């Protein structure tokens, strides 16, 4: 099947048509996955249980980076696990917002401040098992193994444990920086923030960039070059795992968001199929349109990216504008 222009020129050697036959109109029609029985109760219960864990953060100073003083942070998680990441505080003046800034499946080798305002305190958690700071801690380091680790049970699946870890990272940030309103930023694998944010009322907004793990009913039928391929192949051999995945669908969880959300979704992406990304945005849009959230109804700011998980002409300019848009979104969330 030939790639549509301009993708044939941009990605002549792509093994997969990253549009999967969708255009923007059909992507906006992808429905989020419905919630299984007990979905909200499960996640609310996990959040309540996380409150019993004291973060006990320990900081190691790494000097100044731009407008921030940077530290390596180690903090407690569930089951006695200790996780490491980075934490930064404004060098001049007090912080007025705290940001939990997650990462993609490549892990994180260093913090990135592109989307972080100068007056924000920010924690850059590194997911359990992943590099550079938590390789092999609590989960396998290899992405293909990590994404199916513990998938035998809802209680042990790695994606759920990583989402819970985001609450513990937020706790460490609040313990150090004070009781700040929180904002979430997550890219690709960082889409797990859609699983965590709805149940934690400290968050006032979120940005999801090419979010993963959305709409498994569609996703499991699409070959891809990202971590989803390991899940697709696993479920093909172990169909019972599909029932576990229902509790970790980010498009399902996004329907419970009640804060302003910015989604950056790609029209072409061979690693994270676009219909899964748009299903997350569409879930937020559906709640906003129906106002089923009542007074605390979410709003959606959707930016359509030409492509995700790939270099293409003008991508740096797109990234710069997107980072500026996230900082502006944070400001609007704080203004109420």
C-alpha atoms as a PDB file:
ATOM      1  CA  UNK A   1       0.000   0.000   0.000  1.00  0.00           C
ATOM      2  CA  UNK A   2       1.675   3.270  -1.081  1.00  0.00           C
ATOM      3  CA  UNK A   3       2.234   5.973   1.526  1.00  0.00           C
ATOM      4  CA  UNK A   4       0.236   9.179   1.065  1.00  0.00           C
ATOM      5  CA  UNK A   5       2.140  12.368   0.301  1.00  0.00           C
ATOM      6  CA  UNK A   6       4.160  13.864   1.926  1.00  0.00           C
ATOM      7  CA  UNK A   7       4.968  10.730   3.909  1.00  0.00           C
ATOM      8  CA  UNK A   8       6.270   8.859   0.886  1.00  0.00           C
ATOM      9  CA  UNK A   9       8.961  11.543   0.622  1.00  0.00           C
ATOM     10  CA  UNK A  10       9.557  11.864   4.356  1.00  0.00           C
ATOM     11  CA  UNK A  11       9.701   8.156   5.199  1.00  0.00           C
ATOM     12  CA  UNK A  12      10.592   6.285   2.001  1.00  0.00           C
ATOM     13  CA  UNK A  13      12.013   3.316   3.920  1.00  0.00           C
ATOM     14  CA  UNK A  14       9.252   3.050   6.538  1.00  0.00           C
ATOM     15  CA  UNK A  15       8.261  -0.602   7.055  1.00  0.00           C
ATOM     16  CA  UNK A  16       4.733   0.461   8.006  1.00  0.00           C
ATOM     17  CA  UNK A  17       2.349   3.119   6.731  1.00  0.00           C
ATOM     18  CA  UNK A  18       2.130   5.147   9.920  1.00  0.00           C
ATOM     19  CA  UNK A  19      -1.279   6.543   8.955  1.00  0.00           C
ATOM     20  CA  UNK A  20      -2.765   3.021   9.041  1.00  0.00           C
ATOM     21  CA  UNK A  21      -5.265   4.302   6.481  1.00  0.00           C
ATOM     22  CA  UNK A  22      -6.668   6.995   8.776  1.00  0.00           C
ATOM     23  CA  UNK A  23      -6.945  10.707   8.060  1.00  0.00           C
ATOM     24  CA  UNK A  24      -7.730  13.458  10.569  1.00  0.00           C
ATOM     25  CA  UNK A  25     -11.480  13.108  10.115  1.00  0.00           C
ATOM     26  CA  UNK A  26     -11.500   9.366  10.753  1.00  0.00           C
ATOM     27  CA  UNK A  27      -9.051   9.733  13.647  1.00  0.00           C
ATOM     28  CA  UNK A  28     -11.411  12.180  15.331  1.00  0.00           C
ATOM     29  CA  UNK A  29     -14.112   9.515  15.080  1.00  0.00           C
ATOM     30  CA  UNK A  30     -12.162   6.820  16.969  1.00  0.00           C
ATOM     31  CA  UNK A  31     -14.147   6.079  20.113  1.00  0.00           C
ATOM     32  CA  UNK A  32     -12.414   5.533  23.450  1.00  0.00           C
ATOM     33  CA  UNK A  33     -12.612   2.072  24.971  1.00  0.00           C
ATOM     34  CA  UNK A  34     -15.517   1.651  27.432  1.00  0.00           C
ATOM     35  CA  UNK A  35     -14.688   1.150  31.095  1.00  0.00           C
ATOM     36  CA  UNK A  36     -14.769  -2.401  32.451  1.00  0.00           C
ATOM     37  CA  UNK A  37     -16.597  -3.156  35.685  1.00  0.00           C
ATOM     38  CA  UNK A  38     -14.913  -1.629  38.716  1.00  0.00           C
ATOM     39  CA  UNK A  39     -12.497   0.525  36.721  1.00  0.00           C
ATOM     40  CA  UNK A  40     -12.881   3.747  38.725  1.00  0.00           C
ATOM     41  CA  UNK A  41     -13.062   1.876  42.031  1.00  0.00           C
ATOM     42  CA  UNK A  42      -9.799   0.089  41.276  1.00  0.00           C
ATOM     43  CA  UNK A  43      -7.881   3.252  40.444  1.00  0.00           C
ATOM     44  CA  UNK A  44      -9.384   5.258  43.309  1.00  0.00           C
ATOM     45  CA  UNK A  45      -8.405   2.425  45.646  1.00  0.00           C
ATOM     46  CA  UNK A  46      -4.836   2.407  44.389  1.00  0.00           C
ATOM     47  CA  UNK A  47      -4.603   6.161  44.870  1.00  0.00           C
ATOM     48  CA  UNK A  48      -5.974   5.899  48.413  1.00  0.00           C
ATOM     49  CA  UNK A  49      -3.434   3.172  49.208  1.00  0.00           C
ATOM     50  CA  UNK A  50      -0.595   5.309  47.860  1.00  0.00           C
ATOM     51  CA  UNK A  51      -1.346   7.960  50.504  1.00  0.00           C
ATOM     52  CA  UNK A  52       0.016   5.604  53.165  1.00  0.00           C
ATOM     53  CA  UNK A  53       3.535   5.670  51.677  1.00  0.00           C
ATOM     54  CA  UNK A  54       5.758   8.466  52.953  1.00  0.00           C
ATOM     55  CA  UNK A  55       7.982   9.742  50.116  1.00  0.00           C
ATOM     56  CA  UNK A  56      11.127  10.118  52.238  1.00  0.00           C
ATOM     57  CA  UNK A  57      12.988  11.977  49.460  1.00  0.00           C
ATOM     58  CA  UNK A  58      16.767  12.298  49.425  1.00  0.00           C
ATOM     59  CA  UNK A  59      18.444  14.927  47.267  1.00  0.00           C
ATOM     60  CA  UNK A  60      21.885  15.115  45.714  1.00  0.00           C
ATOM     61  CA  UNK A  61      22.787  18.527  44.303  1.00  0.00           C
ATOM     62  CA  UNK A  62      23.846  18.629  40.638  1.00  0.00           C
ATOM     63  CA  UNK A  63      24.290  22.398  40.333  1.00  0.00           C
ATOM     64  CA  UNK A  64      22.335  24.922  38.345  1.00  0.00           C
ATOM     65  CA  UNK A  65      20.735  24.365  34.945  1.00  0.00           C
ATOM     66  CA  UNK A  66      19.185  27.436  33.338  1.00  0.00           C
ATOM     67  CA  UNK A  67      16.650  28.953  35.726  1.00  0.00           C
ATOM     68  CA  UNK A  68      16.659  25.947  38.057  1.00  0.00           C
ATOM     69  CA  UNK A  69      18.741  24.291  40.740  1.00  0.00           C
ATOM     70  CA  UNK A  70      18.962  20.640  39.728  1.00  0.00           C
ATOM     71  CA  UNK A  71      19.113  17.596  41.980  1.00  0.00           C
ATOM     72  CA  UNK A  72      19.034  13.845  41.688  1.00  0.00           C
ATOM     73  CA  UNK A  73      16.147  12.651  43.856  1.00  0.00           C
ATOM     74  CA  UNK A  74      15.505   9.252  45.391  1.00  0.00           C
ATOM     75  CA  UNK A  75      12.093   8.566  46.895  1.00  0.00           C
ATOM     76  CA  UNK A  76       9.989   5.745  48.260  1.00  0.00           C
ATOM     77  CA  UNK A  77       7.397   3.799  46.320  1.00  0.00           C
ATOM     78  CA  UNK A  78       5.006   0.986  47.165  1.00  0.00           C
ATOM     79  CA  UNK A  79       6.380  -2.251  48.577  1.00  0.00           C
ATOM     80  CA  UNK A  80       9.578  -0.663  49.844  1.00  0.00           C
ATOM     81  CA  UNK A  81      10.846   0.210  46.369  1.00  0.00           C
ATOM     82  CA  UNK A  82      13.200   3.200  46.090  1.00  0.00           C
ATOM     83  CA  UNK A  83      13.174   5.033  42.754  1.00  0.00           C
ATOM     84  CA  UNK A  84      15.458   7.728  41.394  1.00  0.00           C
ATOM     85  CA  UNK A  85      14.808  10.666  39.110  1.00  0.00           C
ATOM     86  CA  UNK A  86      15.643  14.346  38.854  1.00  0.00           C
ATOM     87  CA  UNK A  87      14.081  17.260  40.676  1.00  0.00           C
ATOM     88  CA  UNK A  88      14.551  20.960  40.002  1.00  0.00           C
ATOM     89  CA  UNK A  89      13.575  24.076  41.931  1.00  0.00           C
ATOM     90  CA  UNK A  90      13.532  27.690  40.706  1.00  0.00           C
ATOM     91  CA  UNK A  91      16.869  29.304  41.438  1.00  0.00           C
ATOM     92  CA  UNK A  92      15.280  32.696  42.019  1.00  0.00           C
ATOM     93  CA  UNK A  93      12.051  32.956  43.991  1.00  0.00           C
ATOM     94  CA  UNK A  94       9.389  30.497  45.057  1.00  0.00           C
ATOM     95  CA  UNK A  95       7.688  28.023  42.762  1.00  0.00           C
ATOM     96  CA  UNK A  96       4.050  28.623  41.900  1.00  0.00           C
ATOM     97  CA  UNK A  97       3.379  25.250  40.254  1.00  0.00           C
ATOM     98  CA  UNK A  98       4.769  21.742  40.480  1.00  0.00           C
ATOM     99  CA  UNK A  99       5.232  19.689  37.316  1.00  0.00           C
ATOM    100  CA  UNK A 100       5.449  15.916  37.081  1.00  0.00           C
ATOM    101  CA  UNK A 101       7.284  15.391  33.787  1.00  0.00           C
ATOM    102  CA  UNK A 102       7.386  11.802  32.551  1.00  0.00           C
ATOM    103  CA  UNK A 103       9.208  10.317  29.532  1.00  0.00           C
ATOM    104  CA  UNK A 104       9.030   7.879  26.644  1.00  0.00           C
ATOM    105  CA  UNK A 105       9.931   4.190  26.543  1.00  0.00           C
ATOM    106  CA  UNK A 106      13.556   5.013  25.896  1.00  0.00           C
ATOM    107  CA  UNK A 107      13.807   6.073  29.519  1.00  0.00           C
ATOM    108  CA  UNK A 108      15.480   9.350  30.364  1.00  0.00           C
ATOM    109  CA  UNK A 109      19.180  10.161  30.355  1.00  0.00           C
ATOM    110  CA  UNK A 110      18.771  13.768  31.505  1.00  0.00           C
ATOM    111  CA  UNK A 111      15.977  16.246  32.307  1.00  0.00           C
ATOM    112  CA  UNK A 112      14.519  18.424  29.562  1.00  0.00           C
ATOM    113  CA  UNK A 113      13.205  21.866  30.529  1.00  0.00           C
ATOM    114  CA  UNK A 114      11.637  22.859  27.174  1.00  0.00           C
ATOM    115  CA  UNK A 115       8.083  22.697  28.541  1.00  0.00           C
ATOM    116  CA  UNK A 116       8.946  23.870  32.075  1.00  0.00           C
ATOM    117  CA  UNK A 117       8.323  27.512  33.127  1.00  0.00           C
ATOM    118  CA  UNK A 118      11.075  29.239  35.071  1.00  0.00           C
ATOM    119  CA  UNK A 119       8.836  29.524  38.152  1.00  0.00           C
ATOM    120  CA  UNK A 120       7.952  25.820  38.287  1.00  0.00           C
ATOM    121  CA  UNK A 121       9.291  23.145  40.566  1.00  0.00           C
ATOM    122  CA  UNK A 122       9.553  19.943  38.558  1.00  0.00           C
ATOM    123  CA  UNK A 123      10.184  16.277  39.159  1.00  0.00           C
ATOM    124  CA  UNK A 124      11.428  14.155  36.271  1.00  0.00           C
ATOM    125  CA  UNK A 125      10.577  10.624  37.422  1.00  0.00           C
ATOM    126  CA  UNK A 126      12.259   7.716  35.717  1.00  0.00           C
ATOM    127  CA  UNK A 127       9.913   4.740  35.443  1.00  0.00           C
ATOM    128  CA  UNK A 128      10.745   1.609  37.389  1.00  0.00           C
ATOM    129  CA  UNK A 129      13.028  -0.655  35.398  1.00  0.00           C
ATOM    130  CA  UNK A 130      14.069   1.968  32.866  1.00  0.00           C
ATOM    131  CA  UNK A 131      17.246   3.985  32.228  1.00  0.00           C
ATOM    132  CA  UNK A 132      19.205   5.833  33.120  1.00  0.00           C
ATOM    133  CA  UNK A 133      18.575   5.792  36.853  1.00  0.00           C
ATOM    134  CA  UNK A 134      16.272   2.811  37.486  1.00  0.00           C
ATOM    135  CA  UNK A 135      17.476   0.192  35.040  1.00  0.00           C
ATOM    136  CA  UNK A 136      16.262  -3.201  36.239  1.00  0.00           C
ATOM    137  CA  UNK A 137      14.709  -1.815  39.448  1.00  0.00           C
ATOM    138  CA  UNK A 138      11.239  -3.313  39.883  1.00  0.00           C
ATOM    139  CA  UNK A 139      10.820  -4.261  36.202  1.00  0.00           C
ATOM    140  CA  UNK A 140      12.929  -5.350  33.202  1.00  0.00           C
ATOM    141  CA  UNK A 141      15.016  -2.725  31.434  1.00  0.00           C
ATOM    142  CA  UNK A 142      14.147  -3.954  27.932  1.00  0.00           C
ATOM    143  CA  UNK A 143      11.037  -2.170  26.618  1.00  0.00           C
ATOM    144  CA  UNK A 144       9.550  -5.278  25.000  1.00  0.00           C
ATOM    145  CA  UNK A 145       9.847  -7.183  28.286  1.00  0.00           C
ATOM    146  CA  UNK A 146       8.839  -4.194  30.417  1.00  0.00           C
ATOM    147  CA  UNK A 147       5.539  -3.617  28.617  1.00  0.00           C
ATOM    148  CA  UNK A 148       4.317  -7.160  29.350  1.00  0.00           C
ATOM    149  CA  UNK A 149       5.896  -7.522  32.791  1.00  0.00           C
ATOM    150  CA  UNK A 150       3.283  -8.673  35.308  1.00  0.00           C
ATOM    151  CA  UNK A 151       0.536  -8.734  32.685  1.00  0.00           C
ATOM    152  CA  UNK A 152      -0.821 -11.961  34.196  1.00  0.00           C
ATOM    153  CA  UNK A 153      -2.739  -9.914  36.788  1.00  0.00           C
ATOM    154  CA  UNK A 154      -4.340  -6.491  37.104  1.00  0.00           C
ATOM    155  CA  UNK A 155      -2.558  -6.143  40.441  1.00  0.00           C
ATOM    156  CA  UNK A 156       0.944  -6.753  39.077  1.00  0.00           C
ATOM    157  CA  UNK A 157       0.958  -5.309  35.547  1.00  0.00           C
ATOM    158  CA  UNK A 158       3.905  -2.962  35.038  1.00  0.00           C
ATOM    159  CA  UNK A 159       1.901  -0.129  33.478  1.00  0.00           C
ATOM    160  CA  UNK A 160      -0.291   0.112  36.551  1.00  0.00           C
ATOM    161  CA  UNK A 161       2.693   0.022  38.875  1.00  0.00           C
ATOM    162  CA  UNK A 162       4.402   2.770  36.825  1.00  0.00           C
ATOM    163  CA  UNK A 163       1.269   4.931  36.980  1.00  0.00           C
ATOM    164  CA  UNK A 164       1.146   4.519  40.765  1.00  0.00           C
ATOM    165  CA  UNK A 165       4.815   5.512  40.891  1.00  0.00           C
ATOM    166  CA  UNK A 166       3.851   8.879  39.384  1.00  0.00           C
ATOM    167  CA  UNK A 167       1.850   9.642  42.520  1.00  0.00           C
ATOM    168  CA  UNK A 168       4.867   8.809  44.648  1.00  0.00           C
ATOM    169  CA  UNK A 169       7.051  11.103  42.525  1.00  0.00           C
ATOM    170  CA  UNK A 170       4.464  13.859  42.984  1.00  0.00           C
ATOM    171  CA  UNK A 171       4.543  13.231  46.737  1.00  0.00           C
ATOM    172  CA  UNK A 172       8.316  13.689  46.752  1.00  0.00           C
ATOM    173  CA  UNK A 173       7.965  16.962  44.850  1.00  0.00           C
ATOM    174  CA  UNK A 174       5.326  18.298  47.245  1.00  0.00           C
ATOM    175  CA  UNK A 175       7.352  17.207  50.278  1.00  0.00           C
ATOM    176  CA  UNK A 176      10.284  19.297  49.040  1.00  0.00           C
ATOM    177  CA  UNK A 177       8.644  22.231  47.232  1.00  0.00           C
ATOM    178  CA  UNK A 178       5.494  22.635  49.305  1.00  0.00           C
ATOM    179  CA  UNK A 179       1.787  22.196  48.672  1.00  0.00           C
ATOM    180  CA  UNK A 180       1.680  23.383  45.064  1.00  0.00           C
ATOM    181  CA  UNK A 181      -0.917  22.852  42.351  1.00  0.00           C
ATOM    182  CA  UNK A 182       0.398  20.115  40.072  1.00  0.00           C
ATOM    183  CA  UNK A 183       0.553  19.788  36.294  1.00  0.00           C
ATOM    184  CA  UNK A 184       1.457  16.678  34.321  1.00  0.00           C
ATOM    185  CA  UNK A 185       3.559  16.405  31.152  1.00  0.00           C
ATOM    186  CA  UNK A 186       4.030  13.027  29.483  1.00  0.00           C
ATOM    187  CA  UNK A 187       5.159  11.840  26.075  1.00  0.00           C
ATOM    188  CA  UNK A 188       4.547   8.437  24.447  1.00  0.00           C
ATOM    189  CA  UNK A 189       4.999   5.952  27.327  1.00  0.00           C
ATOM    190  CA  UNK A 190       4.355   9.017  29.486  1.00  0.00           C
ATOM    191  CA  UNK A 191       0.744   8.676  28.392  1.00  0.00           C
ATOM    192  CA  UNK A 192       0.404   6.561  31.538  1.00  0.00           C
ATOM    193  CA  UNK A 193      -0.250   9.920  33.171  1.00  0.00           C
ATOM    194  CA  UNK A 194      -3.765   9.594  31.784  1.00  0.00           C
ATOM    195  CA  UNK A 195      -4.104   6.583  34.092  1.00  0.00           C
ATOM    196  CA  UNK A 196      -2.837   8.499  37.143  1.00  0.00           C
ATOM    197  CA  UNK A 197      -4.078  12.087  36.851  1.00  0.00           C
ATOM    198  CA  UNK A 198      -7.877  11.566  37.006  1.00  0.00           C
ATOM    199  CA  UNK A 199      -7.810  10.268  40.585  1.00  0.00           C
ATOM    200  CA  UNK A 200      -5.364  12.792  42.071  1.00  0.00           C
ATOM    201  CA  UNK A 201      -7.104  16.109  42.724  1.00  0.00           C
ATOM    202  CA  UNK A 202      -3.797  17.918  43.171  1.00  0.00           C
ATOM    203  CA  UNK A 203      -3.451  18.103  39.377  1.00  0.00           C
ATOM    204  CA  UNK A 204      -4.875  21.178  37.655  1.00  0.00           C
ATOM    205  CA  UNK A 205      -3.977  20.246  34.065  1.00  0.00           C
ATOM    206  CA  UNK A 206      -2.006  17.978  31.778  1.00  0.00           C
ATOM    207  CA  UNK A 207      -0.239  17.719  28.432  1.00  0.00           C
ATOM    208  CA  UNK A 208      -0.095  14.364  26.662  1.00  0.00           C
ATOM    209  CA  UNK A 209       2.252  14.128  23.681  1.00  0.00           C
ATOM    210  CA  UNK A 210       1.648  11.242  21.235  1.00  0.00           C
ATOM    211  CA  UNK A 211       0.188   9.245  24.153  1.00  0.00           C
ATOM    212  CA  UNK A 212       0.489   5.488  24.116  1.00  0.00           C
ATOM    213  CA  UNK A 213      -1.736   2.671  25.443  1.00  0.00           C
ATOM    214  CA  UNK A 214      -5.000   4.063  24.054  1.00  0.00           C
ATOM    215  CA  UNK A 215      -7.856   2.013  22.540  1.00  0.00           C
ATOM    216  CA  UNK A 216      -6.551  -1.543  22.727  1.00  0.00           C
ATOM    217  CA  UNK A 217      -9.555  -2.793  20.752  1.00  0.00           C
ATOM    218  CA  UNK A 218      -7.984  -1.051  17.746  1.00  0.00           C
ATOM    219  CA  UNK A 219      -4.351  -1.083  18.832  1.00  0.00           C
ATOM    220  CA  UNK A 220      -4.100  -4.849  19.175  1.00  0.00           C
ATOM    221  CA  UNK A 221      -4.993  -5.243  15.527  1.00  0.00           C
ATOM    222  CA  UNK A 222      -2.239  -2.964  14.258  1.00  0.00           C
ATOM    223  CA  UNK A 223       1.371  -3.956  13.758  1.00  0.00           C
ATOM    224  CA  UNK A 224       3.774  -1.262  14.954  1.00  0.00           C
ATOM    225  CA  UNK A 225       7.451  -0.634  15.614  1.00  0.00           C
ATOM    226  CA  UNK A 226       6.965   0.428  19.245  1.00  0.00           C
ATOM    227  CA  UNK A 227       6.337  -1.382  22.518  1.00  0.00           C
ATOM    228  CA  UNK A 228       2.772  -2.090  21.443  1.00  0.00           C
ATOM    229  CA  UNK A 229       4.063  -4.779  19.118  1.00  0.00           C
ATOM    230  CA  UNK A 230       5.253  -6.839  22.079  1.00  0.00           C
ATOM    231  CA  UNK A 231       1.803  -6.498  23.636  1.00  0.00           C
ATOM    232  CA  UNK A 232       0.062  -7.405  20.375  1.00  0.00           C
ATOM    233  CA  UNK A 233       2.133 -10.558  20.004  1.00  0.00           C
ATOM    234  CA  UNK A 234       1.726 -11.513  23.654  1.00  0.00           C
ATOM    235  CA  UNK A 235      -2.060 -11.201  23.533  1.00  0.00           C
ATOM    236  CA  UNK A 236      -2.169 -13.221  20.319  1.00  0.00           C
ATOM    237  CA  UNK A 237      -0.610 -16.098  22.273  1.00  0.00           C
ATOM    238  CA  UNK A 238      -2.320 -15.338  25.605  1.00  0.00           C
ATOM    239  CA  UNK A 239      -5.788 -13.930  24.771  1.00  0.00           C
ATOM    240  CA  UNK A 240      -6.769 -13.910  28.440  1.00  0.00           C
ATOM    241  CA  UNK A 241      -4.386 -10.936  28.895  1.00  0.00           C
ATOM    242  CA  UNK A 242      -6.860  -8.804  26.963  1.00  0.00           C
ATOM    243  CA  UNK A 243      -9.049  -8.679  30.065  1.00  0.00           C
ATOM    244  CA  UNK A 244      -6.145  -7.303  32.100  1.00  0.00           C
ATOM    245  CA  UNK A 245      -5.420  -4.607  29.520  1.00  0.00           C
ATOM    246  CA  UNK A 246      -8.952  -3.221  29.843  1.00  0.00           C
ATOM    247  CA  UNK A 247      -7.928  -1.679  33.159  1.00  0.00           C
ATOM    248  CA  UNK A 248      -4.914   0.081  31.633  1.00  0.00           C
ATOM    249  CA  UNK A 249      -6.401   1.710  28.551  1.00  0.00           C
ATOM    250  CA  UNK A 250      -5.487   5.393  28.576  1.00  0.00           C
ATOM    251  CA  UNK A 251      -8.499   6.269  26.412  1.00  0.00           C
ATOM    252  CA  UNK A 252     -10.753   4.764  29.072  1.00  0.00           C
ATOM    253  CA  UNK A 253      -9.027   6.645  31.884  1.00  0.00           C
ATOM    254  CA  UNK A 254      -9.063   9.909  29.928  1.00  0.00           C
ATOM    255  CA  UNK A 255     -12.849   9.849  30.181  1.00  0.00           C
ATOM    256  CA  UNK A 256     -12.461  10.466  33.914  1.00  0.00           C
ATOM    257  CA  UNK A 257     -10.264  13.561  33.544  1.00  0.00           C
ATOM    258  CA  UNK A 258     -11.815  16.731  34.949  1.00  0.00           C
ATOM    259  CA  UNK A 259      -9.014  19.221  34.283  1.00  0.00           C
ATOM    260  CA  UNK A 260      -7.900  21.135  31.172  1.00  0.00           C
ATOM    261  CA  UNK A 261      -5.986  18.816  28.869  1.00  0.00           C
ATOM    262  CA  UNK A 262      -3.661  19.498  25.963  1.00  0.00           C
ATOM    263  CA  UNK A 263      -3.164  16.579  23.567  1.00  0.00           C
ATOM    264  CA  UNK A 264      -0.606  16.497  20.778  1.00  0.00           C
ATOM    265  CA  UNK A 265      -1.585  13.661  18.441  1.00  0.00           C
ATOM    266  CA  UNK A 266       0.204  12.613  15.273  1.00  0.00           C
ATOM    267  CA  UNK A 267      -1.313  11.864  11.884  1.00  0.00           C
ATOM    268  CA  UNK A 268       1.570   9.467  11.094  1.00  0.00           C
ATOM    269  CA  UNK A 269       3.280   7.321  13.683  1.00  0.00           C
ATOM    270  CA  UNK A 270       4.619   3.821  13.105  1.00  0.00           C
ATOM    271  CA  UNK A 271       5.575   3.378  16.789  1.00  0.00           C
ATOM    272  CA  UNK A 272       2.312   4.429  18.471  1.00  0.00           C
ATOM    273  CA  UNK A 273      -0.576   4.057  15.986  1.00  0.00           C
ATOM    274  CA  UNK A 274      -2.479   7.353  15.658  1.00  0.00           C
ATOM    275  CA  UNK A 275      -5.964   5.936  16.361  1.00  0.00           C
ATOM    276  CA  UNK A 276      -4.808   5.049  19.873  1.00  0.00           C
ATOM    277  CA  UNK A 277      -3.461   8.565  20.395  1.00  0.00           C
ATOM    278  CA  UNK A 278      -6.611  10.265  19.124  1.00  0.00           C
ATOM    279  CA  UNK A 279      -8.813   7.978  21.225  1.00  0.00           C
ATOM    280  CA  UNK A 280      -7.290   9.630  24.307  1.00  0.00           C
ATOM    281  CA  UNK A 281      -8.088  13.117  23.001  1.00  0.00           C
ATOM    282  CA  UNK A 282     -11.525  12.009  21.844  1.00  0.00           C
ATOM    283  CA  UNK A 283     -12.349  10.738  25.330  1.00  0.00           C
ATOM    284  CA  UNK A 284     -11.657  14.177  26.808  1.00  0.00           C
ATOM    285  CA  UNK A 285     -13.606  15.868  24.019  1.00  0.00           C
ATOM    286  CA  UNK A 286     -16.600  13.590  24.586  1.00  0.00           C
ATOM    287  CA  UNK A 287     -16.812  14.439  28.289  1.00  0.00           C
ATOM    288  CA  UNK A 288     -16.363  18.144  27.551  1.00  0.00           C
ATOM    289  CA  UNK A 289     -19.108  18.075  24.911  1.00  0.00           C
ATOM    290  CA  UNK A 290     -21.557  16.138  27.063  1.00  0.00           C
ATOM    291  CA  UNK A 291     -20.676  17.990  30.263  1.00  0.00           C
ATOM    292  CA  UNK A 292     -21.138  14.727  32.141  1.00  0.00           C
ATOM    293  CA  UNK A 293     -18.406  15.933  34.441  1.00  0.00           C
ATOM    294  CA  UNK A 294     -20.693  18.662  35.744  1.00  0.00           C
ATOM    295  CA  UNK A 295     -19.017  21.874  36.934  1.00  0.00           C
ATOM    296  CA  UNK A 296     -15.623  20.148  36.880  1.00  0.00           C
ATOM    297  CA  UNK A 297     -15.870  19.372  33.187  1.00  0.00           C
ATOM    298  CA  UNK A 298     -12.566  19.103  31.288  1.00  0.00           C
ATOM    299  CA  UNK A 299     -11.527  21.151  28.290  1.00  0.00           C
ATOM    300  CA  UNK A 300      -9.467  19.876  25.382  1.00  0.00           C
ATOM    301  CA  UNK A 301      -6.753  21.679  23.456  1.00  0.00           C
ATOM    302  CA  UNK A 302      -5.842  19.424  20.543  1.00  0.00           C
ATOM    303  CA  UNK A 303      -2.816  19.954  18.323  1.00  0.00           C
ATOM    304  CA  UNK A 304      -2.440  17.723  15.296  1.00  0.00           C
ATOM    305  CA  UNK A 305       1.202  16.883  14.618  1.00  0.00           C
ATOM    306  CA  UNK A 306       2.353  15.846  11.133  1.00  0.00           C
ATOM    307  CA  UNK A 307       4.145  12.797  12.544  1.00  0.00           C
ATOM    308  CA  UNK A 308       5.316  11.229  15.774  1.00  0.00           C
ATOM    309  CA  UNK A 309       8.364   9.192  16.784  1.00  0.00           C
ATOM    310  CA  UNK A 310      10.134  10.281  13.599  1.00  0.00           C
ATOM    311  CA  UNK A 311      12.221  13.109  12.199  1.00  0.00           C
ATOM    312  CA  UNK A 312      10.629  15.118   9.397  1.00  0.00           C
ATOM    313  CA  UNK A 313      11.118  18.527   7.754  1.00  0.00           C
ATOM    314  CA  UNK A 314      10.223  21.303  10.193  1.00  0.00           C
ATOM    315  CA  UNK A 315       9.949  19.033  13.212  1.00  0.00           C
ATOM    316  CA  UNK A 316      12.171  21.237  15.374  1.00  0.00           C
ATOM    317  CA  UNK A 317       9.943  24.254  14.751  1.00  0.00           C
ATOM    318  CA  UNK A 318       6.885  22.139  15.546  1.00  0.00           C
ATOM    319  CA  UNK A 319       8.519  21.006  18.783  1.00  0.00           C
ATOM    320  CA  UNK A 320       9.430  24.544  19.802  1.00  0.00           C
ATOM    321  CA  UNK A 321       5.894  25.796  19.227  1.00  0.00           C
ATOM    322  CA  UNK A 322       4.455  22.826  21.107  1.00  0.00           C
ATOM    323  CA  UNK A 323       6.686  23.465  24.113  1.00  0.00           C
ATOM    324  CA  UNK A 324       5.601  27.101  24.164  1.00  0.00           C
ATOM    325  CA  UNK A 325       1.978  25.985  23.943  1.00  0.00           C
ATOM    326  CA  UNK A 326       2.398  23.719  26.972  1.00  0.00           C
ATOM    327  CA  UNK A 327       3.868  26.574  29.012  1.00  0.00           C
ATOM    328  CA  UNK A 328       0.921  28.761  27.972  1.00  0.00           C
ATOM    329  CA  UNK A 329      -1.482  25.963  28.895  1.00  0.00           C
ATOM    330  CA  UNK A 330       0.079  25.726  32.339  1.00  0.00           C
ATOM    331  CA  UNK A 331      -0.424  29.464  32.823  1.00  0.00           C
ATOM    332  CA  UNK A 332      -4.110  29.202  31.864  1.00  0.00           C
ATOM    333  CA  UNK A 333      -4.645  26.262  34.201  1.00  0.00           C
ATOM    334  CA  UNK A 334      -3.189  28.234  37.085  1.00  0.00           C
ATOM    335  CA  UNK A 335      -5.331  31.261  36.229  1.00  0.00           C
ATOM    336  CA  UNK A 336      -8.414  29.051  36.486  1.00  0.00           C
END
